[in-house]
PDB file of N, CA and C in Angstrom:
ATOM      1  N   UNK A   1     -49.198  68.358  13.082  1.00  0.00           N
ATOM      2  CA  UNK A   1     -48.201  67.326  12.891  1.00  0.00           C
ATOM      3  C   UNK A   1     -48.207  66.860  11.439  1.00  0.00           C
ATOM      4  N   UNK A   2     -49.400  66.655  10.893  1.00  0.00           N
ATOM      5  CA  UNK A   2     -49.507  66.180   9.514  1.00  0.00           C
ATOM      6  C   UNK A   2     -49.031  67.253   8.541  1.00  0.00           C
ATOM      7  N   UNK A   3     -49.407  68.511   8.797  1.00  0.00           N
ATOM      8  CA  UNK A   3     -48.975  69.608   7.924  1.00  0.00           C
ATOM      9  C   UNK A   3     -47.453  69.720   7.887  1.00  0.00           C
ATOM     10  N   UNK A   4     -46.834  69.612   9.049  1.00  0.00           N
ATOM     11  CA  UNK A   4     -45.371  69.704   9.126  1.00  0.00           C
ATOM     12  C   UNK A   4     -44.717  68.556   8.361  1.00  0.00           C
ATOM     13  N   UNK A   5     -45.223  67.337   8.564  1.00  0.00           N
ATOM     14  CA  UNK A   5     -44.674  66.177   7.860  1.00  0.00           C
ATOM     15  C   UNK A   5     -44.866  66.315   6.355  1.00  0.00           C
ATOM     16  N   UNK A   6     -46.021  66.847   5.949  1.00  0.00           N
ATOM     17  CA  UNK A   6     -46.294  67.013   4.519  1.00  0.00           C
ATOM     18  C   UNK A   6     -45.330  68.021   3.901  1.00  0.00           C
ATOM     19  N   UNK A   7     -45.057  69.120   4.608  1.00  0.00           N
ATOM     20  CA  UNK A   7     -44.118  70.120   4.115  1.00  0.00           C
ATOM     21  C   UNK A   7     -42.721  69.527   3.934  1.00  0.00           C
ATOM     22  N   UNK A   8     -42.282  68.741   4.905  1.00  0.00           N
ATOM     23  CA  UNK A   8     -40.970  68.102   4.802  1.00  0.00           C
ATOM     24  C   UNK A   8     -40.952  67.087   3.657  1.00  0.00           C
ATOM     25  N   UNK A   9     -42.030  66.346   3.508  1.00  0.00           N
ATOM     26  CA  UNK A   9     -42.133  65.360   2.439  1.00  0.00           C
ATOM     27  C   UNK A   9     -42.091  66.046   1.075  1.00  0.00           C
ATOM     28  N   UNK A  10     -42.762  67.175   0.948  1.00  0.00           N
ATOM     29  CA  UNK A  10     -42.770  67.916  -0.320  1.00  0.00           C
ATOM     30  C   UNK A  10     -41.368  68.402  -0.687  1.00  0.00           C
ATOM     31  N   UNK A  11     -40.480  68.521   0.306  1.00  0.00           N
ATOM     32  CA  UNK A  11     -39.098  68.915   0.052  1.00  0.00           C
ATOM     33  C   UNK A  11     -38.194  67.705  -0.175  1.00  0.00           C
ATOM     34  N   UNK A  12     -38.796  66.517  -0.297  1.00  0.00           N
ATOM     35  CA  UNK A  12     -38.033  65.313  -0.616  1.00  0.00           C
ATOM     36  C   UNK A  12     -37.477  64.572   0.569  1.00  0.00           C
ATOM     37  N   UNK A  13     -37.881  64.933   1.781  1.00  0.00           N
ATOM     38  CA  UNK A  13     -37.374  64.253   2.968  1.00  0.00           C
ATOM     39  C   UNK A  13     -38.349  63.159   3.397  1.00  0.00           C
ATOM     40  N   UNK A  14     -37.889  61.902   3.467  1.00  0.00           N
ATOM     41  CA  UNK A  14     -38.771  60.816   3.929  1.00  0.00           C
ATOM     42  C   UNK A  14     -39.292  61.082   5.328  1.00  0.00           C
ATOM     43  N   UNK A  15     -40.496  60.621   5.616  1.00  0.00           N
ATOM     44  CA  UNK A  15     -41.131  60.862   6.902  1.00  0.00           C
ATOM     45  C   UNK A  15     -41.540  59.545   7.554  1.00  0.00           C
ATOM     46  N   UNK A  16     -41.292  59.452   8.842  1.00  0.00           N
ATOM     47  CA  UNK A  16     -41.746  58.325   9.652  1.00  0.00           C
ATOM     48  C   UNK A  16     -42.443  58.919  10.868  1.00  0.00           C
ATOM     49  N   UNK A  17     -43.690  58.532  11.082  1.00  0.00           N
ATOM     50  CA  UNK A  17     -44.472  59.091  12.172  1.00  0.00           C
ATOM     51  C   UNK A  17     -45.214  57.982  12.902  1.00  0.00           C
ATOM     52  N   UNK A  18     -45.184  58.024  14.231  1.00  0.00           N
ATOM     53  CA  UNK A  18     -45.985  57.109  15.053  1.00  0.00           C
ATOM     54  C   UNK A  18     -47.109  57.914  15.658  1.00  0.00           C
ATOM     55  N   UNK A  19     -48.291  57.320  15.669  1.00  0.00           N
ATOM     56  CA  UNK A  19     -49.383  58.015  16.333  1.00  0.00           C
ATOM     57  C   UNK A  19     -50.437  57.045  16.826  1.00  0.00           C
ATOM     58  N   UNK A  20     -51.148  57.517  17.847  1.00  0.00           N
ATOM     59  CA  UNK A  20     -52.220  56.744  18.470  1.00  0.00           C
ATOM     60  C   UNK A  20     -53.524  57.082  17.761  1.00  0.00           C
ATOM     61  N   UNK A  21     -54.299  56.058  17.461  1.00  0.00           N
ATOM     62  CA  UNK A  21     -55.587  56.286  16.821  1.00  0.00           C
ATOM     63  C   UNK A  21     -56.623  56.692  17.862  1.00  0.00           C
ATOM     64  N   UNK A  22     -57.657  57.345  17.411  1.00  0.00           N
ATOM     65  CA  UNK A  22     -58.726  57.798  18.295  1.00  0.00           C
ATOM     66  C   UNK A  22     -59.318  56.604  19.037  1.00  0.00           C
ATOM     67  N   UNK A  23     -59.222  56.585  20.378  1.00  0.00           N
ATOM     68  CA  UNK A  23     -59.716  55.432  21.132  1.00  0.00           C
ATOM     69  C   UNK A  23     -61.231  55.227  21.016  1.00  0.00           C
ATOM     70  N   UNK A  24     -61.963  56.251  20.598  1.00  0.00           N
ATOM     71  CA  UNK A  24     -63.403  56.078  20.415  1.00  0.00           C
ATOM     72  C   UNK A  24     -63.711  55.292  19.142  1.00  0.00           C
ATOM     73  N   UNK A  25     -62.790  55.355  18.181  1.00  0.00           N
ATOM     74  CA  UNK A  25     -63.019  54.685  16.901  1.00  0.00           C
ATOM     75  C   UNK A  25     -62.259  53.377  16.749  1.00  0.00           C
ATOM     76  N   UNK A  26     -61.117  53.244  17.427  1.00  0.00           N
ATOM     77  CA  UNK A  26     -60.290  52.060  17.216  1.00  0.00           C
ATOM     78  C   UNK A  26     -59.594  51.674  18.504  1.00  0.00           C
ATOM     79  N   UNK A  27     -59.841  50.465  18.980  1.00  0.00           N
ATOM     80  CA  UNK A  27     -59.168  49.909  20.156  1.00  0.00           C
ATOM     81  C   UNK A  27     -58.446  48.642  19.722  1.00  0.00           C
ATOM     82  N   UNK A  28     -57.461  48.245  20.510  1.00  0.00           N
ATOM     83  CA  UNK A  28     -56.710  47.024  20.242  1.00  0.00           C
ATOM     84  C   UNK A  28     -56.894  46.089  21.421  1.00  0.00           C
ATOM     85  N   UNK A  29     -57.022  44.801  21.161  1.00  0.00           N
ATOM     86  CA  UNK A  29     -57.207  43.801  22.213  1.00  0.00           C
ATOM     87  C   UNK A  29     -55.950  42.955  22.325  1.00  0.00           C
ATOM     88  N   UNK A  30     -55.385  42.900  23.529  1.00  0.00           N
ATOM     89  CA  UNK A  30     -54.162  42.129  23.779  1.00  0.00           C
ATOM     90  C   UNK A  30     -54.480  40.632  23.776  1.00  0.00           C
ATOM     91  N   UNK A  31     -53.434  39.797  23.741  1.00  0.00           N
ATOM     92  CA  UNK A  31     -53.655  38.345  23.812  1.00  0.00           C
ATOM     93  C   UNK A  31     -54.372  37.911  25.095  1.00  0.00           C
ATOM     94  N   UNK A  32     -54.256  38.712  26.176  1.00  0.00           N
ATOM     95  CA  UNK A  32     -54.942  38.399  27.437  1.00  0.00           C
ATOM     96  C   UNK A  32     -56.352  38.964  27.468  1.00  0.00           C
ATOM     97  N   UNK A  33     -56.744  39.682  26.419  1.00  0.00           N
ATOM     98  CA  UNK A  33     -58.088  40.230  26.355  1.00  0.00           C
ATOM     99  C   UNK A  33     -58.223  41.654  26.867  1.00  0.00           C
ATOM    100  N   UNK A  34     -57.096  42.270  27.239  1.00  0.00           N
ATOM    101  CA  UNK A  34     -57.123  43.662  27.702  1.00  0.00           C
ATOM    102  C   UNK A  34     -57.319  44.599  26.515  1.00  0.00           C
ATOM    103  N   UNK A  35     -58.106  45.635  26.713  1.00  0.00           N
ATOM    104  CA  UNK A  35     -58.302  46.653  25.682  1.00  0.00           C
ATOM    105  C   UNK A  35     -57.270  47.762  25.882  1.00  0.00           C
ATOM    106  N   UNK A  36     -56.688  48.224  24.788  1.00  0.00           N
ATOM    107  CA  UNK A  36     -55.735  49.327  24.869  1.00  0.00           C
ATOM    108  C   UNK A  36     -55.815  50.157  23.589  1.00  0.00           C
ATOM    109  N   UNK A  37     -55.061  51.244  23.578  1.00  0.00           N
ATOM    110  CA  UNK A  37     -55.058  52.122  22.419  1.00  0.00           C
ATOM    111  C   UNK A  37     -54.435  51.428  21.213  1.00  0.00           C
ATOM    112  N   UNK A  38     -54.924  51.775  20.044  1.00  0.00           N
ATOM    113  CA  UNK A  38     -54.344  51.285  18.798  1.00  0.00           C
ATOM    114  C   UNK A  38     -53.295  52.292  18.329  1.00  0.00           C
ATOM    115  N   UNK A  39     -52.129  51.802  17.920  1.00  0.00           N
ATOM    116  CA  UNK A  39     -51.032  52.628  17.451  1.00  0.00           C
ATOM    117  C   UNK A  39     -50.638  52.205  16.042  1.00  0.00           C
ATOM    118  N   UNK A  40     -50.224  53.167  15.234  1.00  0.00           N
ATOM    119  CA  UNK A  40     -49.724  52.866  13.894  1.00  0.00           C
ATOM    120  C   UNK A  40     -48.435  53.652  13.664  1.00  0.00           C
ATOM    121  N   UNK A  41     -47.638  53.145  12.732  1.00  0.00           N
ATOM    122  CA  UNK A  41     -46.459  53.873  12.264  1.00  0.00           C
ATOM    123  C   UNK A  41     -46.650  54.080  10.772  1.00  0.00           C
ATOM    124  N   UNK A  42     -46.408  55.282  10.338  1.00  0.00           N
ATOM    125  CA  UNK A  42     -46.593  55.662   8.945  1.00  0.00           C
ATOM    126  C   UNK A  42     -45.243  56.054   8.358  1.00  0.00           C
ATOM    127  N   UNK A  43     -44.939  55.548   7.173  1.00  0.00           N
ATOM    128  CA  UNK A  43     -43.740  55.958   6.457  1.00  0.00           C
ATOM    129  C   UNK A  43     -44.152  56.493   5.093  1.00  0.00           C
ATOM    130  N   UNK A  44     -43.545  57.591   4.680  1.00  0.00           N
ATOM    131  CA  UNK A  44     -43.856  58.209   3.385  1.00  0.00           C
ATOM    132  C   UNK A  44     -42.570  58.655   2.711  1.00  0.00           C
ATOM    133  N   UNK A  45     -42.487  58.415   1.411  1.00  0.00           N
ATOM    134  CA  UNK A  45     -41.366  58.862   0.597  1.00  0.00           C
ATOM    135  C   UNK A  45     -41.910  59.519  -0.653  1.00  0.00           C
ATOM    136  N   UNK A  46     -41.312  60.644  -1.027  1.00  0.00           N
ATOM    137  CA  UNK A  46     -41.724  61.342  -2.235  1.00  0.00           C
ATOM    138  C   UNK A  46     -40.737  61.044  -3.357  1.00  0.00           C
ATOM    139  N   UNK A  47     -41.273  60.848  -4.559  1.00  0.00           N
ATOM    140  CA  UNK A  47     -40.439  60.729  -5.748  1.00  0.00           C
ATOM    141  C   UNK A  47     -40.446  62.098  -6.422  1.00  0.00           C
ATOM    142  N   UNK A  48     -39.253  62.645  -6.644  1.00  0.00           N
ATOM    143  CA  UNK A  48     -39.129  63.976  -7.220  1.00  0.00           C
ATOM    144  C   UNK A  48     -38.627  63.885  -8.662  1.00  0.00           C
ATOM    145  N   UNK A  49     -39.046  64.842  -9.479  1.00  0.00           N
ATOM    146  CA  UNK A  49     -38.531  64.893 -10.848  1.00  0.00           C
ATOM    147  C   UNK A  49     -37.205  65.659 -10.854  1.00  0.00           C
ATOM    148  N   UNK A  50     -36.662  65.910 -12.041  1.00  0.00           N
ATOM    149  CA  UNK A  50     -35.365  66.583 -12.168  1.00  0.00           C
ATOM    150  C   UNK A  50     -35.368  67.997 -11.593  1.00  0.00           C
ATOM    151  N   UNK A  51     -36.530  68.611 -11.538  1.00  0.00           N
ATOM    152  CA  UNK A  51     -36.635  69.984 -11.032  1.00  0.00           C
ATOM    153  C   UNK A  51     -36.975  70.038  -9.545  1.00  0.00           C
ATOM    154  N   UNK A  52     -37.096  68.870  -8.906  1.00  0.00           N
ATOM    155  CA  UNK A  52     -37.405  68.821  -7.482  1.00  0.00           C
ATOM    156  C   UNK A  52     -38.876  68.857  -7.161  1.00  0.00           C
ATOM    157  N   UNK A  53     -39.704  68.728  -8.180  1.00  0.00           N
ATOM    158  CA  UNK A  53     -41.152  68.728  -7.968  1.00  0.00           C
ATOM    159  C   UNK A  53     -41.616  67.303  -7.646  1.00  0.00           C
ATOM    160  N   UNK A  54     -42.551  67.208  -6.705  1.00  0.00           N
ATOM    161  CA  UNK A  54     -43.069  65.897  -6.311  1.00  0.00           C
ATOM    162  C   UNK A  54     -43.873  65.298  -7.455  1.00  0.00           C
ATOM    163  N   UNK A  55     -43.471  64.078  -7.847  1.00  0.00           N
ATOM    164  CA  UNK A  55     -44.159  63.357  -8.917  1.00  0.00           C
ATOM    165  C   UNK A  55     -45.165  62.375  -8.317  1.00  0.00           C
ATOM    166  N   UNK A  56     -44.731  61.687  -7.267  1.00  0.00           N
ATOM    167  CA  UNK A  56     -45.613  60.731  -6.601  1.00  0.00           C
ATOM    168  C   UNK A  56     -45.144  60.550  -5.168  1.00  0.00           C
ATOM    169  N   UNK A  57     -46.022  59.962  -4.365  1.00  0.00           N
ATOM    170  CA  UNK A  57     -45.719  59.688  -2.966  1.00  0.00           C
ATOM    171  C   UNK A  57     -46.085  58.242  -2.675  1.00  0.00           C
ATOM    172  N   UNK A  58     -45.177  57.541  -2.032  1.00  0.00           N
ATOM    173  CA  UNK A  58     -45.434  56.171  -1.603  1.00  0.00           C
ATOM    174  C   UNK A  58     -45.519  56.177  -0.091  1.00  0.00           C
ATOM    175  N   UNK A  59     -46.621  55.702   0.429  1.00  0.00           N
ATOM    176  CA  UNK A  59     -46.804  55.670   1.872  1.00  0.00           C
ATOM    177  C   UNK A  59     -47.279  54.306   2.344  1.00  0.00           C
ATOM    178  N   UNK A  60     -46.884  53.962   3.555  1.00  0.00           N
ATOM    179  CA  UNK A  60     -47.333  52.719   4.178  1.00  0.00           C
ATOM    180  C   UNK A  60     -47.758  53.022   5.612  1.00  0.00           C
ATOM    181  N   UNK A  61     -48.665  52.216   6.106  1.00  0.00           N
ATOM    182  CA  UNK A  61     -49.112  52.325   7.494  1.00  0.00           C
ATOM    183  C   UNK A  61     -49.108  50.922   8.082  1.00  0.00           C
ATOM    184  N   UNK A  62     -48.447  50.765   9.225  1.00  0.00           N
ATOM    185  CA  UNK A  62     -48.380  49.481   9.909  1.00  0.00           C
ATOM    186  C   UNK A  62     -48.988  49.605  11.294  1.00  0.00           C
ATOM    187  N   UNK A  63     -49.735  48.607  11.699  1.00  0.00           N
ATOM    188  CA  UNK A  63     -50.294  48.541  13.044  1.00  0.00           C
ATOM    189  C   UNK A  63     -49.196  48.066  13.990  1.00  0.00           C
ATOM    190  N   UNK A  64     -48.817  48.918  14.954  1.00  0.00           N
ATOM    191  CA  UNK A  64     -47.782  48.560  15.924  1.00  0.00           C
ATOM    192  C   UNK A  64     -48.357  48.470  17.339  1.00  0.00           C
ATOM    193  N   UNK A  65     -49.656  48.246  17.429  1.00  0.00           N
ATOM    194  CA  UNK A  65     -50.323  48.184  18.732  1.00  0.00           C
ATOM    195  C   UNK A  65     -49.716  47.113  19.626  1.00  0.00           C
ATOM    196  N   UNK A  66     -49.383  45.956  19.045  1.00  0.00           N
ATOM    197  CA  UNK A  66     -48.806  44.885  19.856  1.00  0.00           C
ATOM    198  C   UNK A  66     -47.435  45.269  20.408  1.00  0.00           C
ATOM    199  N   UNK A  67     -46.643  46.014  19.646  1.00  0.00           N
ATOM    200  CA  UNK A  67     -45.335  46.457  20.132  1.00  0.00           C
ATOM    201  C   UNK A  67     -45.478  47.476  21.256  1.00  0.00           C
ATOM    202  N   UNK A  68     -46.403  48.421  21.100  1.00  0.00           N
ATOM    203  CA  UNK A  68     -46.633  49.413  22.144  1.00  0.00           C
ATOM    204  C   UNK A  68     -47.151  48.743  23.417  1.00  0.00           C
ATOM    205  N   UNK A  69     -48.026  47.752  23.260  1.00  0.00           N
ATOM    206  CA  UNK A  69     -48.537  47.003  24.417  1.00  0.00           C
ATOM    207  C   UNK A  69     -47.385  46.283  25.115  1.00  0.00           C
ATOM    208  N   UNK A  70     -46.495  45.647  24.334  1.00  0.00           N
ATOM    209  CA  UNK A  70     -45.352  44.938  24.917  1.00  0.00           C
ATOM    210  C   UNK A  70     -44.436  45.909  25.663  1.00  0.00           C
ATOM    211  N   UNK A  71     -44.217  47.099  25.111  1.00  0.00           N
ATOM    212  CA  UNK A  71     -43.411  48.111  25.800  1.00  0.00           C
ATOM    213  C   UNK A  71     -44.045  48.493  27.136  1.00  0.00           C
ATOM    214  N   UNK A  72     -45.355  48.670  27.129  1.00  0.00           N
ATOM    215  CA  UNK A  72     -46.068  49.028  28.345  1.00  0.00           C
ATOM    216  C   UNK A  72     -45.951  47.921  29.389  1.00  0.00           C
ATOM    217  N   UNK A  73     -46.131  46.676  28.955  1.00  0.00           N
ATOM    218  CA  UNK A  73     -46.049  45.542  29.885  1.00  0.00           C
ATOM    219  C   UNK A  73     -44.636  45.413  30.448  1.00  0.00           C
ATOM    220  N   UNK A  74     -43.627  45.595  29.612  1.00  0.00           N
ATOM    221  CA  UNK A  74     -42.245  45.510  30.068  1.00  0.00           C
ATOM    222  C   UNK A  74     -41.955  46.596  31.103  1.00  0.00           C
ATOM    223  N   UNK A  75     -42.420  47.800  30.842  1.00  0.00           N
ATOM    224  CA  UNK A  75     -42.218  48.907  31.781  1.00  0.00           C
ATOM    225  C   UNK A  75     -42.936  48.627  33.101  1.00  0.00           C
ATOM    226  N   UNK A  76     -44.148  48.116  33.013  1.00  0.00           N
ATOM    227  CA  UNK A  76     -44.915  47.812  34.227  1.00  0.00           C
ATOM    228  C   UNK A  76     -44.209  46.742  35.057  1.00  0.00           C
ATOM    229  N   UNK A  77     -43.725  45.692  34.401  1.00  0.00           N
ATOM    230  CA  UNK A  77     -43.029  44.615  35.126  1.00  0.00           C
ATOM    231  C   UNK A  77     -41.734  45.121  35.754  1.00  0.00           C
ATOM    232  N   UNK A  78     -41.027  45.991  35.031  1.00  0.00           N
ATOM    233  CA  UNK A  78     -39.796  46.563  35.572  1.00  0.00           C
ATOM    234  C   UNK A  78     -40.097  47.378  36.814  1.00  0.00           C
ATOM    235  N   UNK A  79     -41.128  48.213  36.748  1.00  0.00           N
ATOM    236  CA  UNK A  79     -41.498  49.031  37.904  1.00  0.00           C
ATOM    237  C   UNK A  79     -41.942  48.173  39.077  1.00  0.00           C
ATOM    238  N   UNK A  80     -42.658  47.083  38.806  1.00  0.00           N
ATOM    239  CA  UNK A  80     -43.085  46.171  39.875  1.00  0.00           C
ATOM    240  C   UNK A  80     -41.872  45.507  40.520  1.00  0.00           C
ATOM    241  N   UNK A  81     -40.881  45.125  39.711  1.00  0.00           N
ATOM    242  CA  UNK A  81     -39.672  44.487  40.247  1.00  0.00           C
ATOM    243  C   UNK A  81     -38.881  45.470  41.098  1.00  0.00           C
ATOM    244  N   UNK A  82     -38.793  46.707  40.655  1.00  0.00           N
ATOM    245  CA  UNK A  82     -38.094  47.737  41.432  1.00  0.00           C
ATOM    246  C   UNK A  82     -38.800  47.967  42.763  1.00  0.00           C
ATOM    247  N   UNK A  83     -40.120  48.028  42.727  1.00  0.00           N
ATOM    248  CA  UNK A  83     -40.890  48.236  43.959  1.00  0.00           C
ATOM    249  C   UNK A  83     -40.740  47.043  44.901  1.00  0.00           C
ATOM    250  N   UNK A  84     -40.755  45.820  44.344  1.00  0.00           N
ATOM    251  CA  UNK A  84     -40.590  44.627  45.185  1.00  0.00           C
ATOM    252  C   UNK A  84     -39.210  44.624  45.844  1.00  0.00           C
ATOM    253  N   UNK A  85     -38.184  45.014  45.094  1.00  0.00           N
ATOM    254  CA  UNK A  85     -36.830  45.075  45.655  1.00  0.00           C
ATOM    255  C   UNK A  85     -36.769  46.141  46.744  1.00  0.00           C
ATOM    256  N   UNK A  86     -37.404  47.272  46.513  1.00  0.00           N
ATOM    257  CA  UNK A  86     -37.426  48.346  47.506  1.00  0.00           C
ATOM    258  C   UNK A  86     -38.095  47.884  48.788  1.00  0.00           C
ATOM    259  N   UNK A  87     -39.207  47.145  48.642  1.00  0.00           N
ATOM    260  CA  UNK A  87     -39.918  46.623  49.817  1.00  0.00           C
ATOM    261  C   UNK A  87     -39.061  45.623  50.596  1.00  0.00           C
ATOM    262  N   UNK A  88     -38.283  44.795  49.888  1.00  0.00           N
ATOM    263  CA  UNK A  88     -37.434  43.809  50.551  1.00  0.00           C
ATOM    264  C   UNK A  88     -36.306  44.474  51.334  1.00  0.00           C
ATOM    265  N   UNK A  89     -35.845  45.622  50.834  1.00  0.00           N
ATOM    266  CA  UNK A  89     -34.723  46.304  51.485  1.00  0.00           C
ATOM    267  C   UNK A  89     -35.126  47.079  52.722  1.00  0.00           C
ATOM    268  N   UNK A  90     -36.418  47.211  52.981  1.00  0.00           N
ATOM    269  CA  UNK A  90     -36.889  47.933  54.171  1.00  0.00           C
ATOM    270  C   UNK A  90     -36.621  47.173  55.439  1.00  0.00           C
TER     271      UNK A  90
END
C-alpha cells in the first residue's frame, strides 16, 4: 500500500490514506473507557520542479480514532434499532 502511494506521489498526485495502527503498539480509549483500534489519516503532496522531478514532500498525519469509534457506535445503534423493530413486528 505504501509503495503504491509513494509511486503515485512521485508522479505528482496527492495521496490520502486511512489506516489502522498495530493494535499491539497503539490502542485508543473511548470517552466511556472502551479500548479500540487507533486509526490515522495521512495526506501527502509532492512539490515538483519544472522538469517534474520531486523537490520536496509535505505530509501530515491526523488521529481519527474518535471518528472511527463514532462510526462504529452509530452502526451498532442502527443495527440494534433495526433488530428491536424486527422483534416488535413478530
